[in-house]
Amino acid sequence: MIKQRARLLLRHAAALLGGLALLAALPAGPAAAAEGQLRIAKQFGVVYLLLNVAEDQKLIEKHGKQAGLDIKVEYLQLSGGSAVNDALLSGSVDIGSAGVGPLFTLWDRTRGRQNVRGVASLGNFPYYLVSNRPEVKTIADLTDRDRIALPAVGVSVQARILQMASARLWGDKDFARLDRNSVAVPHPEAAAAIIKGGTEITAHFGNPPFQEQELAENPKAHVILSSYDVQGGPASSTVLYATEKFYKDSPKTYQAFVDALDEAARFITADPERAADIYLKANGSRIDRALLLKVIKSPEVSFKIEPQNTLGLGQFMHRVGAIKNEPKSLSDYFFVNPRVAAGG
């Protein structure tokens, strides 16, 4: 166990140093790019399929040209909301993509300065907390021997949803009770650990398709918590966000991006087969194509850019002191845009 933990810590350190080196290698850049340039941070999983489709089909460039603008689009692969937030605030990217938890954190911390707000949702997806220990049925059964892998401890959307569930079970004063059991591991590595077994990681709060791979490939793997149960139904757990400067200084680029996302959402809904192929090509994923299609076509999943059921998490974070400012409506933490105004 000690050797396993040492190897895991070394992998975490290597991943962190690699991410820092990647950020350092990027041009410093201004706080926001000029019109015609768009740098987007993306992460792992089907929840980022809208970005995969937009990139593959060159939809941002298409909508830019319709507005009389040639847009140069760049994508940066990161892992965890903290890394995305750092990249956004450093000016290395113009659009961040992460959980709604990191959005609330950054919205709160940058009020009156960079004024970060949401741009669009990436759709509604249930996130599962999966355990490979048969005796663990709910989070109440987790013990000190359990290690929960998630993208970032305490601050990722998975961590926030776990805190929300903990507060309901043990009270607000113990909302962070399971943070001490949590470790930051990228989804692909965490899924491999759950499937293989025999490591210190015994649970993974992931996202599609990694959670479905775990359930399909390890007979001991089972769901002990669903984000939809905690959030009270379908919710947009992963979103895109930007600084106010980018929103104001690059209106044509911004609108082309939103329009491209909306077209990508309609593309996936109309042709999930092609969308699955785009995902596999973009991610070099070993996931079974049939399993991937099952995720994309799931009745619990919807691809749309209007945020849904996000406010409750922000209000919880304010209640437990994780953020200072209380969000009271979508317009508090999302930029005004007709395509997302109907969300919540």
Protein backbone atom coordinates (compact mmCIF):
# COMPACT_ATOMS: atom_id res chain seq x y z
CA MET A 1 0.00 0.00 0.00
CA ILE A 2 2.84 2.41 0.85
CA LYS A 3 4.55 1.64 -2.47
CA GLN A 4 1.27 2.11 -4.33
CA ARG A 5 0.70 5.46 -2.66
CA ALA A 6 4.26 6.55 -3.46
CA ARG A 7 3.82 5.63 -7.12
CA LEU A 8 0.49 7.47 -7.19
CA LEU A 9 2.00 10.59 -5.66
CA LEU A 10 4.81 10.49 -8.20
CA ARG A 11 2.29 10.28 -11.04
CA HIS A 12 0.34 13.21 -9.56
CA ALA A 13 3.53 15.26 -9.29
CA ALA A 14 4.54 14.40 -12.84
CA ALA A 15 1.09 15.33 -14.14
CA LEU A 16 1.17 18.64 -12.28
CA LEU A 17 4.67 19.49 -13.49
CA GLY A 18 3.68 18.54 -17.02
CA GLY A 19 0.63 20.81 -16.86
CA LEU A 20 2.70 23.68 -15.49
CA ALA A 21 5.30 23.18 -18.21
CA LEU A 22 2.57 23.21 -20.84
CA LEU A 23 1.16 26.46 -19.52
CA ALA A 24 4.64 27.97 -19.30
CA ALA A 25 5.29 27.06 -22.92
CA LEU A 26 2.26 29.03 -24.09
CA PRO A 27 2.60 32.64 -25.14
CA ALA A 28 1.89 34.89 -22.19
CA GLY A 29 -0.77 36.71 -24.19
CA PRO A 30 -2.95 39.57 -23.11
CA ALA A 31 -5.78 39.13 -20.64
CA ALA A 32 -8.04 38.55 -23.63
CA ALA A 33 -7.32 37.92 -27.29
CA ALA A 34 -8.15 40.39 -30.03
CA GLU A 35 -10.99 39.77 -32.44
CA GLY A 36 -10.22 36.81 -34.66
CA GLN A 37 -8.24 34.79 -32.11
CA LEU A 38 -9.75 32.20 -29.79
CA ARG A 39 -7.86 29.94 -27.37
CA ILE A 40 -9.98 27.31 -25.64
CA ALA A 41 -9.12 25.07 -22.68
CA LYS A 42 -10.76 21.65 -22.84
CA GLN A 43 -10.66 18.56 -20.64
CA PHE A 44 -11.34 14.83 -20.82
CA GLY A 45 -14.65 13.10 -21.49
CA VAL A 46 -17.80 13.05 -23.58
CA VAL A 47 -18.98 16.14 -21.70
CA TYR A 48 -16.61 18.08 -23.98
CA LEU A 49 -18.06 16.56 -27.16
CA LEU A 50 -19.46 19.93 -28.30
CA LEU A 51 -15.90 21.22 -28.48
CA ASN A 52 -14.72 18.10 -30.34
CA VAL A 53 -17.45 18.56 -32.94
CA ALA A 54 -16.87 22.31 -33.25
CA GLU A 55 -13.17 21.64 -33.83
CA ASP A 56 -13.66 18.77 -36.28
CA GLN A 57 -16.31 20.57 -38.33
CA LYS A 58 -14.57 23.95 -38.03
CA LEU A 59 -17.83 25.49 -36.87
CA ILE A 60 -16.23 28.44 -35.08
CA GLU A 61 -14.36 29.37 -38.24
CA LYS A 62 -17.58 28.93 -40.24
CA HIS A 63 -19.60 31.28 -38.06
CA GLY A 64 -16.72 33.73 -37.93
CA LYS A 65 -16.64 33.95 -41.72
CA GLN A 66 -20.39 34.53 -41.76
CA ALA A 67 -19.70 37.55 -39.56
CA GLY A 68 -16.86 38.71 -41.82
CA LEU A 69 -14.13 37.47 -39.49
CA ASP A 70 -11.31 34.93 -39.96
CA ILE A 71 -10.91 33.28 -36.56
CA LYS A 72 -7.77 31.41 -35.58
CA VAL A 73 -8.80 28.75 -33.06
CA GLU A 74 -6.43 26.93 -30.69
CA TYR A 75 -7.25 24.21 -28.15
CA LEU A 76 -5.34 23.38 -24.96
CA GLN A 77 -5.90 20.05 -23.18
CA LEU A 78 -5.90 20.38 -19.37
CA SER A 79 -7.17 18.38 -16.41
CA GLY A 80 -9.07 19.90 -13.49
CA GLY A 81 -10.85 23.18 -12.90
CA SER A 82 -7.90 24.66 -11.02
CA ALA A 83 -5.60 24.30 -14.04
CA VAL A 84 -8.26 25.76 -16.32
CA ASN A 85 -8.84 28.72 -14.01
CA ASP A 86 -5.10 29.40 -13.81
CA ALA A 87 -4.85 29.35 -17.60
CA LEU A 88 -7.78 31.73 -17.98
CA LEU A 89 -6.54 34.25 -15.43
CA SER A 90 -2.99 34.15 -16.80
CA GLY A 91 -4.28 35.06 -20.26
CA SER A 92 -3.13 31.74 -21.77
CA VAL A 93 -6.68 30.95 -22.90
CA ASP A 94 -9.77 33.01 -23.67
CA ILE A 95 -12.39 30.36 -22.88
CA GLY A 96 -12.24 27.93 -19.97
CA SER A 97 -14.21 24.69 -19.82
CA ALA A 98 -14.75 23.03 -16.47
CA GLY A 99 -17.37 22.16 -13.92
CA VAL A 100 -19.89 24.70 -12.71
CA GLY A 101 -18.18 24.55 -9.30
CA PRO A 102 -14.95 26.09 -10.62
CA LEU A 103 -17.06 28.68 -12.45
CA PHE A 104 -18.70 29.79 -9.20
CA THR A 105 -15.30 29.92 -7.51
CA LEU A 106 -13.82 32.12 -10.21
CA TRP A 107 -16.95 34.26 -10.55
CA ASP A 108 -16.77 34.95 -6.82
CA ARG A 109 -13.04 35.69 -6.70
CA THR A 110 -12.94 37.95 -9.76
CA ARG A 111 -15.97 40.16 -9.06
CA GLY A 112 -14.97 43.77 -9.57
CA ARG A 113 -11.78 42.72 -11.42
CA GLN A 114 -11.74 40.25 -14.34
CA ASN A 115 -15.47 39.56 -13.78
CA VAL A 116 -15.46 35.98 -15.02
CA ARG A 117 -18.88 34.64 -16.01
CA GLY A 118 -20.36 31.70 -17.84
CA VAL A 119 -20.64 31.60 -21.62
CA ALA A 120 -22.63 28.42 -22.26
CA SER A 121 -23.37 24.94 -21.00
CA LEU A 122 -21.86 21.85 -22.58
CA GLY A 123 -25.03 19.87 -21.91
CA ASN A 124 -26.62 17.79 -19.17
CA PHE A 125 -24.82 14.64 -18.00
CA PRO A 126 -25.16 12.54 -14.84
CA TYR A 127 -21.86 12.13 -12.99
CA TYR A 128 -21.47 8.89 -11.04
CA LEU A 129 -19.40 8.18 -7.97
CA VAL A 130 -18.30 4.60 -8.63
CA SER A 131 -16.78 2.24 -6.06
CA ASN A 132 -15.10 -1.11 -6.69
CA ARG A 133 -15.57 -2.26 -3.09
CA PRO A 134 -18.78 -4.35 -2.89
CA GLU A 135 -19.32 -3.48 0.77
CA VAL A 136 -19.59 0.24 -0.03
CA LYS A 137 -23.21 0.98 -0.93
CA THR A 138 -23.42 4.73 -0.21
CA ILE A 139 -21.02 7.50 0.77
CA ALA A 140 -21.86 6.71 4.40
CA ASP A 141 -19.97 3.41 3.97
CA LEU A 142 -16.71 5.06 2.88
CA THR A 143 -13.89 4.67 5.40
CA ASP A 144 -10.34 5.91 5.88
CA ARG A 145 -9.10 3.10 3.63
CA ASP A 146 -11.02 4.54 0.66
CA ARG A 147 -9.45 7.02 -1.75
CA ILE A 148 -11.80 8.92 -4.06
CA ALA A 149 -10.28 10.02 -7.36
CA LEU A 150 -11.63 13.23 -8.89
CA PRO A 151 -10.21 16.02 -11.09
CA ALA A 152 -9.35 18.44 -8.27
CA VAL A 153 -9.77 18.02 -4.53
CA GLY A 154 -12.33 20.31 -2.91
CA VAL A 155 -12.94 22.56 -5.92
CA SER A 156 -13.93 20.49 -8.99
CA VAL A 157 -17.63 20.09 -9.72
CA GLN A 158 -17.40 16.45 -8.60
CA ALA A 159 -15.86 17.59 -5.31
CA ARG A 160 -18.59 20.22 -4.82
CA ILE A 161 -21.37 17.73 -5.52
CA LEU A 162 -19.76 15.31 -3.07
CA GLN A 163 -19.68 18.12 -0.50
CA MET A 164 -23.34 18.85 -1.17
CA ALA A 165 -24.22 15.19 -0.57
CA SER A 166 -22.07 15.13 2.57
CA ALA A 167 -23.82 18.20 3.96
CA ARG A 168 -27.19 16.51 3.52
CA LEU A 169 -25.96 13.40 5.29
CA TRP A 170 -23.83 14.85 8.09
CA GLY A 171 -24.85 18.54 8.20
CA ASP A 172 -23.31 21.70 6.75
CA LYS A 173 -20.52 21.77 9.33
CA ASP A 174 -19.19 18.50 7.88
CA PHE A 175 -19.69 19.37 4.20
CA ALA A 176 -15.97 18.80 3.49
CA ARG A 177 -15.79 15.55 5.43
CA LEU A 178 -14.78 13.44 2.42
CA ASP A 179 -12.20 15.90 1.09
CA ARG A 180 -9.60 14.09 3.17
CA ASN A 181 -10.41 10.87 1.29
CA SER A 182 -10.03 12.55 -2.09
CA VAL A 183 -7.07 12.60 -4.47
CA ALA A 184 -6.63 14.52 -7.73
CA VAL A 185 -6.26 12.12 -10.65
CA PRO A 186 -7.15 12.66 -14.33
CA HIS A 187 -10.22 10.68 -15.38
CA PRO A 188 -8.41 8.23 -17.71
CA GLU A 189 -5.98 7.16 -14.97
CA ALA A 190 -8.71 6.99 -12.34
CA ALA A 191 -10.88 4.80 -14.57
CA ALA A 192 -7.95 2.46 -15.20
CA ALA A 193 -7.42 2.13 -11.43
CA ILE A 194 -11.08 1.30 -10.77
CA ILE A 195 -11.17 -1.25 -13.57
CA LYS A 196 -7.92 -2.93 -12.58
CA GLY A 197 -8.41 -2.81 -8.81
CA GLY A 198 -5.66 -3.43 -6.31
CA THR A 199 -4.62 0.23 -5.94
CA GLU A 200 -5.38 2.67 -3.17
CA ILE A 201 -8.06 4.25 -5.38
CA THR A 202 -11.33 2.52 -4.51
CA ALA A 203 -13.76 5.14 -5.83
CA HIS A 204 -13.89 7.56 -8.72
CA PHE A 205 -16.23 10.52 -9.16
CA GLY A 206 -15.91 10.85 -12.90
CA ASN A 207 -17.89 11.67 -16.00
CA PRO A 208 -18.91 9.93 -19.23
CA PRO A 209 -17.53 7.77 -20.78
CA PHE A 210 -15.09 6.83 -18.02
CA GLN A 211 -17.76 5.96 -15.47
CA GLU A 212 -19.54 3.72 -18.01
CA GLN A 213 -16.26 1.98 -18.84
CA GLU A 214 -15.73 1.20 -15.16
CA LEU A 215 -19.21 -0.26 -14.79
CA ALA A 216 -18.82 -2.33 -17.96
CA GLU A 217 -15.31 -3.66 -17.35
CA ASN A 218 -15.21 -4.39 -13.62
CA PRO A 219 -18.06 -6.53 -12.24
CA LYS A 220 -17.37 -5.15 -8.77
CA ALA A 221 -17.82 -1.54 -9.89
CA HIS A 222 -21.14 0.03 -8.93
CA VAL A 223 -22.69 3.48 -8.50
CA ILE A 224 -22.92 4.82 -4.96
CA LEU A 225 -23.94 8.39 -5.84
CA SER A 226 -25.40 10.20 -8.85
CA SER A 227 -25.06 13.94 -9.38
CA TYR A 228 -28.65 14.13 -10.59
CA ASP A 229 -29.86 12.75 -7.25
CA VAL A 230 -27.86 15.38 -5.37
CA GLN A 231 -28.82 18.27 -7.66
CA GLY A 232 -32.50 17.38 -7.83
CA GLY A 233 -32.64 16.26 -11.45
CA PRO A 234 -30.85 16.85 -14.76
CA ALA A 235 -28.22 19.56 -14.46
CA SER A 236 -25.49 21.25 -16.47
CA SER A 237 -22.44 20.25 -14.47
CA THR A 238 -19.88 21.35 -17.07
CA VAL A 239 -19.79 24.83 -18.57
CA LEU A 240 -17.69 27.31 -20.53
CA TYR A 241 -16.65 30.69 -19.13
CA ALA A 242 -14.57 33.76 -19.92
CA THR A 243 -13.48 37.15 -18.61
CA GLU A 244 -15.56 40.27 -19.09
CA LYS A 245 -12.75 41.79 -21.14
CA PHE A 246 -12.97 39.04 -23.75
CA TYR A 247 -16.77 39.29 -23.79
CA LYS A 248 -16.65 43.05 -24.41
CA ASP A 249 -13.53 43.36 -26.59
CA SER A 250 -14.24 40.44 -28.95
CA PRO A 251 -18.01 40.48 -29.53
CA LYS A 252 -17.89 38.92 -33.02
CA THR A 253 -15.55 36.14 -31.93
CA TYR A 254 -17.66 35.54 -28.83
CA GLN A 255 -20.90 35.31 -30.81
CA ALA A 256 -19.35 33.05 -33.44
CA PHE A 257 -18.24 30.72 -30.63
CA VAL A 258 -21.72 30.57 -29.08
CA ASP A 259 -23.36 30.02 -32.48
CA ALA A 260 -20.87 27.27 -33.27
CA LEU A 261 -21.62 25.51 -29.98
CA ASP A 262 -25.34 25.66 -30.69
CA GLU A 263 -24.78 24.10 -34.12
CA ALA A 264 -22.54 21.44 -32.56
CA ALA A 265 -25.29 20.52 -30.09
CA ARG A 266 -27.80 20.14 -32.92
CA PHE A 267 -25.26 18.12 -34.95
CA ILE A 268 -24.77 15.60 -32.12
CA THR A 269 -28.50 15.22 -31.51
CA ALA A 270 -29.20 14.71 -35.22
CA ASP A 271 -26.26 12.39 -35.96
CA PRO A 272 -24.92 10.63 -32.85
CA GLU A 273 -23.09 8.07 -35.03
CA ARG A 274 -20.89 10.72 -36.65
CA ALA A 275 -20.49 12.48 -33.31
CA ALA A 276 -19.19 9.23 -31.78
CA ASP A 277 -16.65 8.85 -34.57
CA ILE A 278 -15.49 12.44 -34.05
CA TYR A 279 -15.01 11.78 -30.34
CA LEU A 280 -13.00 8.62 -30.97
CA LYS A 281 -10.79 10.38 -33.51
CA ALA A 282 -10.23 13.41 -31.30
CA ASN A 283 -9.46 11.52 -28.11
CA GLY A 284 -7.70 8.40 -29.35
CA SER A 285 -10.05 6.64 -26.99
CA ARG A 286 -10.10 2.88 -26.52
CA ILE A 287 -13.71 2.96 -25.43
CA ASP A 288 -15.99 0.52 -27.18
CA ARG A 289 -17.93 2.42 -29.84
CA ALA A 290 -21.22 0.76 -28.89
CA LEU A 291 -20.74 1.85 -25.27
CA LEU A 292 -19.92 5.38 -26.41
CA LEU A 293 -23.08 5.54 -28.50
CA LYS A 294 -25.07 4.28 -25.53
CA VAL A 295 -23.77 7.25 -23.52
CA ILE A 296 -24.49 9.78 -26.26
CA LYS A 297 -28.00 8.44 -26.82
CA SER A 298 -28.84 8.04 -23.13
CA PRO A 299 -32.17 9.64 -22.15
CA GLU A 300 -30.34 11.13 -19.16
CA VAL A 301 -27.99 13.03 -21.49
CA SER A 302 -28.90 16.13 -23.49
CA PHE A 303 -26.64 18.26 -25.67
CA LYS A 304 -27.60 21.90 -25.41
CA ILE A 305 -25.94 25.20 -24.54
CA GLU A 306 -28.63 26.56 -22.22
CA PRO A 307 -27.53 25.92 -18.61
CA GLN A 308 -29.99 23.99 -16.47
CA ASN A 309 -30.27 23.59 -12.71
CA THR A 310 -26.96 25.29 -11.86
CA LEU A 311 -28.05 27.89 -9.32
CA GLY A 312 -28.56 25.45 -6.45
CA LEU A 313 -24.90 24.44 -6.35
CA GLY A 314 -23.79 28.07 -6.21
CA GLN A 315 -26.18 28.83 -3.38
CA PHE A 316 -24.91 25.78 -1.49
CA MET A 317 -21.32 26.95 -1.92
CA HIS A 318 -22.28 30.35 -0.51
CA ARG A 319 -24.15 28.79 2.40
CA VAL A 320 -21.14 26.76 3.54
CA GLY A 321 -18.71 29.64 3.02
CA ALA A 322 -16.96 28.31 -0.08
CA ILE A 323 -17.76 31.58 -1.89
CA LYS A 324 -18.46 35.03 -0.43
CA ASN A 325 -21.04 36.27 -2.89
CA GLU A 326 -24.42 34.60 -3.25
CA PRO A 327 -25.67 34.02 -6.82
CA LYS A 328 -29.37 34.80 -7.02
CA SER A 329 -30.10 34.36 -10.72
CA LEU A 330 -28.42 33.08 -13.88
CA SER A 331 -27.60 36.62 -15.00
CA ASP A 332 -25.37 37.02 -11.94
CA TYR A 333 -22.86 34.44 -13.17
CA PHE A 334 -23.55 34.09 -16.93
CA PHE A 335 -23.02 36.70 -19.63
CA VAL A 336 -26.18 37.96 -21.31
CA ASN A 337 -26.88 36.10 -24.55
CA PRO A 338 -30.23 35.16 -26.12
CA ARG A 339 -29.10 31.58 -26.67
CA VAL A 340 -28.50 30.93 -22.97
CA ALA A 341 -30.95 33.36 -21.36
CA ALA A 342 -33.65 30.70 -21.00
CA GLY A 343 -31.39 28.58 -18.81
CA GLY A 344 -31.18 28.41 -15.05
